[in-house]
């Protein structure tokens, strides 16, 4: 069940990707597409999430979120 869709950016790689964040009852999904050669899709099951915290990015004045997974990976 889809709970919400938000326009956002993903800064986990060297390149910032603009796209959409989808929140469902089972997953957190980021999806970005700038044509066939540039697709970014990140699917995180809620069962894998340890915590979510607010953060201020270094390259922008807007705030964001950090997702820490149970295996200690940061997304």
PDB file of N, CA and C in Angstrom:
ATOM      1  N   UNK A   1       0.838  -1.174   0.000  1.00  0.00           N
ATOM      2  CA  UNK A   1       0.000   0.000   0.000  1.00  0.00           C
ATOM      3  C   UNK A   1       0.888   1.243   0.000  1.00  0.00           C
ATOM      4  N   UNK A   2       0.722   2.104  -0.989  1.00  0.00           N
ATOM      5  CA  UNK A   2       1.506   3.334  -1.107  1.00  0.00           C
ATOM      6  C   UNK A   2       0.978   4.376  -0.123  1.00  0.00           C
ATOM      7  N   UNK A   3       1.863   4.885   0.728  1.00  0.00           N
ATOM      8  CA  UNK A   3       1.487   5.873   1.732  1.00  0.00           C
ATOM      9  C   UNK A   3       1.759   7.301   1.280  1.00  0.00           C
ATOM     10  N   UNK A   4       2.777   7.490   0.431  1.00  0.00           N
ATOM     11  CA  UNK A   4       3.101   8.831  -0.027  1.00  0.00           C
ATOM     12  C   UNK A   4       4.203   8.839  -1.064  1.00  0.00           C
ATOM     13  N   UNK A   5       4.244   9.910  -1.860  1.00  0.00           N
ATOM     14  CA  UNK A   5       5.285  10.125  -2.869  1.00  0.00           C
ATOM     15  C   UNK A   5       5.798  11.543  -2.700  1.00  0.00           C
ATOM     16  N   UNK A   6       7.143  11.698  -2.704  1.00  0.00           N
ATOM     17  CA  UNK A   6       7.769  12.992  -2.477  1.00  0.00           C
ATOM     18  C   UNK A   6       8.868  13.229  -3.498  1.00  0.00           C
ATOM     19  N   UNK A   7       8.962  14.435  -4.026  1.00  0.00           N
ATOM     20  CA  UNK A   7      10.061  14.811  -4.911  1.00  0.00           C
ATOM     21  C   UNK A   7      11.277  15.089  -4.045  1.00  0.00           C
ATOM     22  N   UNK A   8      12.433  14.510  -4.425  1.00  0.00           N
ATOM     23  CA  UNK A   8      13.624  14.674  -3.594  1.00  0.00           C
ATOM     24  C   UNK A   8      14.876  14.394  -4.416  1.00  0.00           C
ATOM     25  N   UNK A   9      16.014  14.426  -3.754  1.00  0.00           N
ATOM     26  CA  UNK A   9      17.302  14.103  -4.364  1.00  0.00           C
ATOM     27  C   UNK A   9      17.983  13.031  -3.533  1.00  0.00           C
ATOM     28  N   UNK A  10      18.769  12.183  -4.198  1.00  0.00           N
ATOM     29  CA  UNK A  10      19.541  11.142  -3.532  1.00  0.00           C
ATOM     30  C   UNK A  10      21.015  11.488  -3.680  1.00  0.00           C
ATOM     31  N   UNK A  11      21.726  11.614  -2.563  1.00  0.00           N
ATOM     32  CA  UNK A  11      23.123  12.018  -2.586  1.00  0.00           C
ATOM     33  C   UNK A  11      24.032  10.913  -2.067  1.00  0.00           C
ATOM     34  N   UNK A  12      23.709   9.670  -2.308  1.00  0.00           N
ATOM     35  CA  UNK A  12      24.521   8.562  -1.822  1.00  0.00           C
ATOM     36  C   UNK A  12      25.712   8.255  -2.704  1.00  0.00           C
ATOM     37  N   UNK A  13      25.682   8.676  -3.944  1.00  0.00           N
ATOM     38  CA  UNK A  13      26.777   8.457  -4.883  1.00  0.00           C
ATOM     39  C   UNK A  13      27.546   9.769  -5.058  1.00  0.00           C
ATOM     40  N   UNK A  14      28.490   9.770  -5.949  1.00  0.00           N
ATOM     41  CA  UNK A  14      29.222  10.999  -6.245  1.00  0.00           C
ATOM     42  C   UNK A  14      28.345  12.018  -6.956  1.00  0.00           C
ATOM     43  N   UNK A  15      27.308  11.542  -7.614  1.00  0.00           N
ATOM     44  CA  UNK A  15      26.397  12.408  -8.360  1.00  0.00           C
ATOM     45  C   UNK A  15      25.073  12.476  -7.621  1.00  0.00           C
ATOM     46  N   UNK A  16      24.515  13.674  -7.501  1.00  0.00           N
ATOM     47  CA  UNK A  16      23.206  13.839  -6.881  1.00  0.00           C
ATOM     48  C   UNK A  16      22.142  13.531  -7.932  1.00  0.00           C
ATOM     49  N   UNK A  17      21.212  12.646  -7.594  1.00  0.00           N
ATOM     50  CA  UNK A  17      20.144  12.255  -8.507  1.00  0.00           C
ATOM     51  C   UNK A  17      18.829  12.841  -8.021  1.00  0.00           C
ATOM     52  N   UNK A  18      18.131  13.545  -8.899  1.00  0.00           N
ATOM     53  CA  UNK A  18      16.801  14.056  -8.579  1.00  0.00           C
ATOM     54  C   UNK A  18      15.778  13.008  -8.961  1.00  0.00           C
ATOM     55  N   UNK A  19      14.790  12.791  -8.088  1.00  0.00           N
ATOM     56  CA  UNK A  19      13.796  11.780  -8.379  1.00  0.00           C
ATOM     57  C   UNK A  19      12.659  11.824  -7.389  1.00  0.00           C
ATOM     58  N   UNK A  20      12.086  10.662  -7.127  1.00  0.00           N
ATOM     59  CA  UNK A  20      10.942  10.544  -6.234  1.00  0.00           C
ATOM     60  C   UNK A  20      11.219   9.539  -5.131  1.00  0.00           C
ATOM     61  N   UNK A  21      10.719   9.828  -3.949  1.00  0.00           N
ATOM     62  CA  UNK A  21      10.778   8.927  -2.809  1.00  0.00           C
ATOM     63  C   UNK A  21       9.366   8.402  -2.587  1.00  0.00           C
ATOM     64  N   UNK A  22       9.219   7.085  -2.614  1.00  0.00           N
ATOM     65  CA  UNK A  22       7.939   6.443  -2.393  1.00  0.00           C
ATOM     66  C   UNK A  22       7.982   5.732  -1.047  1.00  0.00           C
ATOM     67  N   UNK A  23       6.984   5.970  -0.216  1.00  0.00           N
ATOM     68  CA  UNK A  23       6.878   5.299   1.067  1.00  0.00           C
ATOM     69  C   UNK A  23       5.661   4.388   1.024  1.00  0.00           C
ATOM     70  N   UNK A  24       5.897   3.108   1.285  1.00  0.00           N
ATOM     71  CA  UNK A  24       4.805   2.152   1.332  1.00  0.00           C
ATOM     72  C   UNK A  24       4.808   1.474   2.695  1.00  0.00           C
ATOM     73  N   UNK A  25       3.879   0.596   2.916  1.00  0.00           N
ATOM     74  CA  UNK A  25       3.820  -0.102   4.186  1.00  0.00           C
ATOM     75  C   UNK A  25       4.979  -1.073   4.359  1.00  0.00           C
ATOM     76  N   UNK A  26       5.626  -1.481   3.259  1.00  0.00           N
ATOM     77  CA  UNK A  26       6.712  -2.464   3.326  1.00  0.00           C
ATOM     78  C   UNK A  26       8.088  -1.937   2.926  1.00  0.00           C
ATOM     79  N   UNK A  27       8.153  -0.846   2.145  1.00  0.00           N
ATOM     80  CA  UNK A  27       9.427  -0.395   1.584  1.00  0.00           C
ATOM     81  C   UNK A  27       9.542   1.126   1.543  1.00  0.00           C
ATOM     82  N   UNK A  28      10.788   1.573   1.498  1.00  0.00           N
ATOM     83  CA  UNK A  28      11.169   2.935   1.166  1.00  0.00           C
ATOM     84  C   UNK A  28      11.860   2.812  -0.188  1.00  0.00           C
ATOM     85  N   UNK A  29      11.386   3.528  -1.203  1.00  0.00           N
ATOM     86  CA  UNK A  29      11.919   3.392  -2.562  1.00  0.00           C
ATOM     87  C   UNK A  29      12.290   4.756  -3.106  1.00  0.00           C
ATOM     88  N   UNK A  30      13.517   4.868  -3.641  1.00  0.00           N
ATOM     89  CA  UNK A  30      13.915   6.062  -4.393  1.00  0.00           C
ATOM     90  C   UNK A  30      14.039   5.655  -5.851  1.00  0.00           C
ATOM     91  N   UNK A  31      13.487   6.478  -6.760  1.00  0.00           N
ATOM     92  CA  UNK A  31      13.575   6.186  -8.183  1.00  0.00           C
ATOM     93  C   UNK A  31      13.858   7.475  -8.939  1.00  0.00           C
ATOM     94  N   UNK A  32      14.832   7.396  -9.845  1.00  0.00           N
ATOM     95  CA  UNK A  32      15.199   8.525 -10.682  1.00  0.00           C
ATOM     96  C   UNK A  32      15.517   8.016 -12.075  1.00  0.00           C
ATOM     97  N   UNK A  33      15.048   8.724 -13.095  1.00  0.00           N
ATOM     98  CA  UNK A  33      15.335   8.334 -14.468  1.00  0.00           C
ATOM     99  C   UNK A  33      15.566   9.571 -15.323  1.00  0.00           C
ATOM    100  N   UNK A  34      16.716   9.604 -15.976  1.00  0.00           N
ATOM    101  CA  UNK A  34      17.031  10.674 -16.929  1.00  0.00           C
ATOM    102  C   UNK A  34      17.296  10.059 -18.295  1.00  0.00           C
ATOM    103  N   UNK A  35      16.507   9.084 -18.664  1.00  0.00           N
ATOM    104  CA  UNK A  35      16.712   8.368 -19.906  1.00  0.00           C
ATOM    105  C   UNK A  35      17.180   6.950 -19.630  1.00  0.00           C
ATOM    106  N   UNK A  36      17.324   6.169 -20.668  1.00  0.00           N
ATOM    107  CA  UNK A  36      17.649   4.746 -20.527  1.00  0.00           C
ATOM    108  C   UNK A  36      19.024   4.501 -19.904  1.00  0.00           C
ATOM    109  N   UNK A  37      19.955   5.426 -20.059  1.00  0.00           N
ATOM    110  CA  UNK A  37      21.314   5.216 -19.570  1.00  0.00           C
ATOM    111  C   UNK A  37      21.514   5.676 -18.122  1.00  0.00           C
ATOM    112  N   UNK A  38      20.569   6.407 -17.583  1.00  0.00           N
ATOM    113  CA  UNK A  38      20.735   6.955 -16.244  1.00  0.00           C
ATOM    114  C   UNK A  38      19.506   6.673 -15.384  1.00  0.00           C
ATOM    115  N   UNK A  39      19.463   5.470 -14.821  1.00  0.00           N
ATOM    116  CA  UNK A  39      18.363   5.078 -13.945  1.00  0.00           C
ATOM    117  C   UNK A  39      18.934   4.748 -12.579  1.00  0.00           C
ATOM    118  N   UNK A  40      18.334   5.289 -11.545  1.00  0.00           N
ATOM    119  CA  UNK A  40      18.732   5.001 -10.168  1.00  0.00           C
ATOM    120  C   UNK A  40      17.500   4.497  -9.440  1.00  0.00           C
ATOM    121  N   UNK A  41      17.590   3.280  -8.909  1.00  0.00           N
ATOM    122  CA  UNK A  41      16.486   2.713  -8.148  1.00  0.00           C
ATOM    123  C   UNK A  41      17.053   2.099  -6.882  1.00  0.00           C
ATOM    124  N   UNK A  42      16.518   2.512  -5.754  1.00  0.00           N
ATOM    125  CA  UNK A  42      16.965   2.026  -4.466  1.00  0.00           C
ATOM    126  C   UNK A  42      15.731   1.572  -3.693  1.00  0.00           C
ATOM    127  N   UNK A  43      15.689   0.287  -3.327  1.00  0.00           N
ATOM    128  CA  UNK A  43      14.556  -0.282  -2.595  1.00  0.00           C
ATOM    129  C   UNK A  43      15.064  -0.777  -1.245  1.00  0.00           C
ATOM    130  N   UNK A  44      14.493  -0.244  -0.165  1.00  0.00           N
ATOM    131  CA  UNK A  44      14.904  -0.631   1.183  1.00  0.00           C
ATOM    132  C   UNK A  44      13.681  -1.143   1.929  1.00  0.00           C
ATOM    133  N   UNK A  45      13.675  -2.418   2.307  1.00  0.00           N
ATOM    134  CA  UNK A  45      12.566  -2.918   3.126  1.00  0.00           C
ATOM    135  C   UNK A  45      12.612  -2.280   4.519  1.00  0.00           C
ATOM    136  N   UNK A  46      11.445  -1.945   5.071  1.00  0.00           N
ATOM    137  CA  UNK A  46      11.404  -1.342   6.398  1.00  0.00           C
ATOM    138  C   UNK A  46      12.033  -2.248   7.443  1.00  0.00           C
ATOM    139  N   UNK A  47      11.993  -3.559   7.244  1.00  0.00           N
ATOM    140  CA  UNK A  47      12.598  -4.492   8.199  1.00  0.00           C
ATOM    141  C   UNK A  47      14.119  -4.347   8.262  1.00  0.00           C
ATOM    142  N   UNK A  48      14.730  -3.725   7.233  1.00  0.00           N
ATOM    143  CA  UNK A  48      16.185  -3.520   7.199  1.00  0.00           C
ATOM    144  C   UNK A  48      16.617  -2.193   7.811  1.00  0.00           C
ATOM    145  N   UNK A  49      15.672  -1.325   8.127  1.00  0.00           N
ATOM    146  CA  UNK A  49      15.982   0.027   8.621  1.00  0.00           C
ATOM    147  C   UNK A  49      16.180   0.010  10.133  1.00  0.00           C
ATOM    148  N   UNK A  50      17.336   0.510  10.565  1.00  0.00           N
ATOM    149  CA  UNK A  50      17.611   0.669  11.997  1.00  0.00           C
ATOM    150  C   UNK A  50      17.067   2.005  12.492  1.00  0.00           C
ATOM    151  N   UNK A  51      17.372   3.099  11.758  1.00  0.00           N
ATOM    152  CA  UNK A  51      16.888   4.418  12.167  1.00  0.00           C
ATOM    153  C   UNK A  51      16.877   5.373  10.978  1.00  0.00           C
ATOM    154  N   UNK A  52      16.106   6.443  11.139  1.00  0.00           N
ATOM    155  CA  UNK A  52      16.051   7.538  10.167  1.00  0.00           C
ATOM    156  C   UNK A  52      16.221   8.817  10.971  1.00  0.00           C
ATOM    157  N   UNK A  53      17.132   9.675  10.510  1.00  0.00           N
ATOM    158  CA  UNK A  53      17.345  10.933  11.230  1.00  0.00           C
ATOM    159  C   UNK A  53      17.398  12.097  10.264  1.00  0.00           C
ATOM    160  N   UNK A  54      17.007  13.268  10.737  1.00  0.00           N
ATOM    161  CA  UNK A  54      17.089  14.490   9.938  1.00  0.00           C
ATOM    162  C   UNK A  54      18.528  14.969   9.882  1.00  0.00           C
ATOM    163  N   UNK A  55      18.903  15.549   8.765  1.00  0.00           N
ATOM    164  CA  UNK A  55      20.255  16.088   8.617  1.00  0.00           C
ATOM    165  C   UNK A  55      20.222  17.295   7.694  1.00  0.00           C
ATOM    166  N   UNK A  56      21.243  18.120   7.796  1.00  0.00           N
ATOM    167  CA  UNK A  56      21.433  19.241   6.880  1.00  0.00           C
ATOM    168  C   UNK A  56      22.574  18.869   5.965  1.00  0.00           C
ATOM    169  N   UNK A  57      22.355  18.971   4.670  1.00  0.00           N
ATOM    170  CA  UNK A  57      23.376  18.583   3.708  1.00  0.00           C
ATOM    171  C   UNK A  57      24.474  19.636   3.636  1.00  0.00           C
ATOM    172  N   UNK A  58      25.663  19.245   3.243  1.00  0.00           N
ATOM    173  CA  UNK A  58      26.793  20.165   3.141  1.00  0.00           C
ATOM    174  C   UNK A  58      26.727  21.043   1.906  1.00  0.00           C
ATOM    175  N   UNK A  59      26.095  20.563   0.857  1.00  0.00           N
ATOM    176  CA  UNK A  59      26.099  21.277  -0.418  1.00  0.00           C
ATOM    177  C   UNK A  59      24.852  22.118  -0.627  1.00  0.00           C
ATOM    178  N   UNK A  60      23.947  22.106   0.320  1.00  0.00           N
ATOM    179  CA  UNK A  60      22.678  22.798   0.143  1.00  0.00           C
ATOM    180  C   UNK A  60      22.190  23.284   1.500  1.00  0.00           C
ATOM    181  N   UNK A  61      21.331  24.259   1.519  1.00  0.00           N
ATOM    182  CA  UNK A  61      20.809  24.752   2.784  1.00  0.00           C
ATOM    183  C   UNK A  61      19.562  23.994   3.229  1.00  0.00           C
ATOM    184  N   UNK A  62      19.057  23.100   2.395  1.00  0.00           N
ATOM    185  CA  UNK A  62      17.863  22.347   2.772  1.00  0.00           C
ATOM    186  C   UNK A  62      18.223  21.160   3.651  1.00  0.00           C
ATOM    187  N   UNK A  63      17.239  20.642   4.331  1.00  0.00           N
ATOM    188  CA  UNK A  63      17.472  19.488   5.192  1.00  0.00           C
ATOM    189  C   UNK A  63      17.183  18.209   4.418  1.00  0.00           C
ATOM    190  N   UNK A  64      17.609  17.096   4.977  1.00  0.00           N
ATOM    191  CA  UNK A  64      17.397  15.808   4.353  1.00  0.00           C
ATOM    192  C   UNK A  64      17.241  14.753   5.425  1.00  0.00           C
ATOM    193  N   UNK A  65      17.295  13.503   5.010  1.00  0.00           N
ATOM    194  CA  UNK A  65      17.245  12.404   5.955  1.00  0.00           C
ATOM    195  C   UNK A  65      18.418  11.469   5.704  1.00  0.00           C
ATOM    196  N   UNK A  66      18.854  10.808   6.756  1.00  0.00           N
ATOM    197  CA  UNK A  66      19.839   9.739   6.670  1.00  0.00           C
ATOM    198  C   UNK A  66      19.140   8.467   7.106  1.00  0.00           C
ATOM    199  N   UNK A  67      19.308   7.403   6.329  1.00  0.00           N
ATOM    200  CA  UNK A  67      18.708   6.117   6.656  1.00  0.00           C
ATOM    201  C   UNK A  67      19.841   5.168   7.037  1.00  0.00           C
ATOM    202  N   UNK A  68      19.831   4.707   8.271  1.00  0.00           N
ATOM    203  CA  UNK A  68      20.829   3.746   8.742  1.00  0.00           C
ATOM    204  C   UNK A  68      20.185   2.366   8.746  1.00  0.00           C
ATOM    205  N   UNK A  69      20.860   1.424   8.063  1.00  0.00           N
ATOM    206  CA  UNK A  69      20.344   0.059   7.976  1.00  0.00           C
ATOM    207  C   UNK A  69      20.859  -0.781   9.113  1.00  0.00           C
ATOM    208  N   UNK A  70      20.208  -1.895   9.373  1.00  0.00           N
ATOM    209  CA  UNK A  70      20.592  -2.778  10.473  1.00  0.00           C
ATOM    210  C   UNK A  70      21.985  -3.372  10.278  1.00  0.00           C
ATOM    211  N   UNK A  71      22.465  -3.458   9.032  1.00  0.00           N
ATOM    212  CA  UNK A  71      23.827  -3.944   8.781  1.00  0.00           C
ATOM    213  C   UNK A  71      24.842  -2.804   8.830  1.00  0.00           C
ATOM    214  N   UNK A  72      24.442  -1.648   9.422  1.00  0.00           N
ATOM    215  CA  UNK A  72      25.271  -0.444   9.621  1.00  0.00           C
ATOM    216  C   UNK A  72      25.628   0.303   8.352  1.00  0.00           C
ATOM    217  N   UNK A  73      24.981   0.006   7.231  1.00  0.00           N
ATOM    218  CA  UNK A  73      25.181   0.791   6.027  1.00  0.00           C
ATOM    219  C   UNK A  73      24.345   2.062   6.135  1.00  0.00           C
ATOM    220  N   UNK A  74      24.862   3.141   5.586  1.00  0.00           N
ATOM    221  CA  UNK A  74      24.165   4.432   5.575  1.00  0.00           C
ATOM    222  C   UNK A  74      23.643   4.675   4.173  1.00  0.00           C
ATOM    223  N   UNK A  75      22.381   5.059   4.048  1.00  0.00           N
ATOM    224  CA  UNK A  75      21.786   5.356   2.746  1.00  0.00           C
ATOM    225  C   UNK A  75      21.247   6.755   2.749  1.00  0.00           C
TER     226      UNK A  75
END
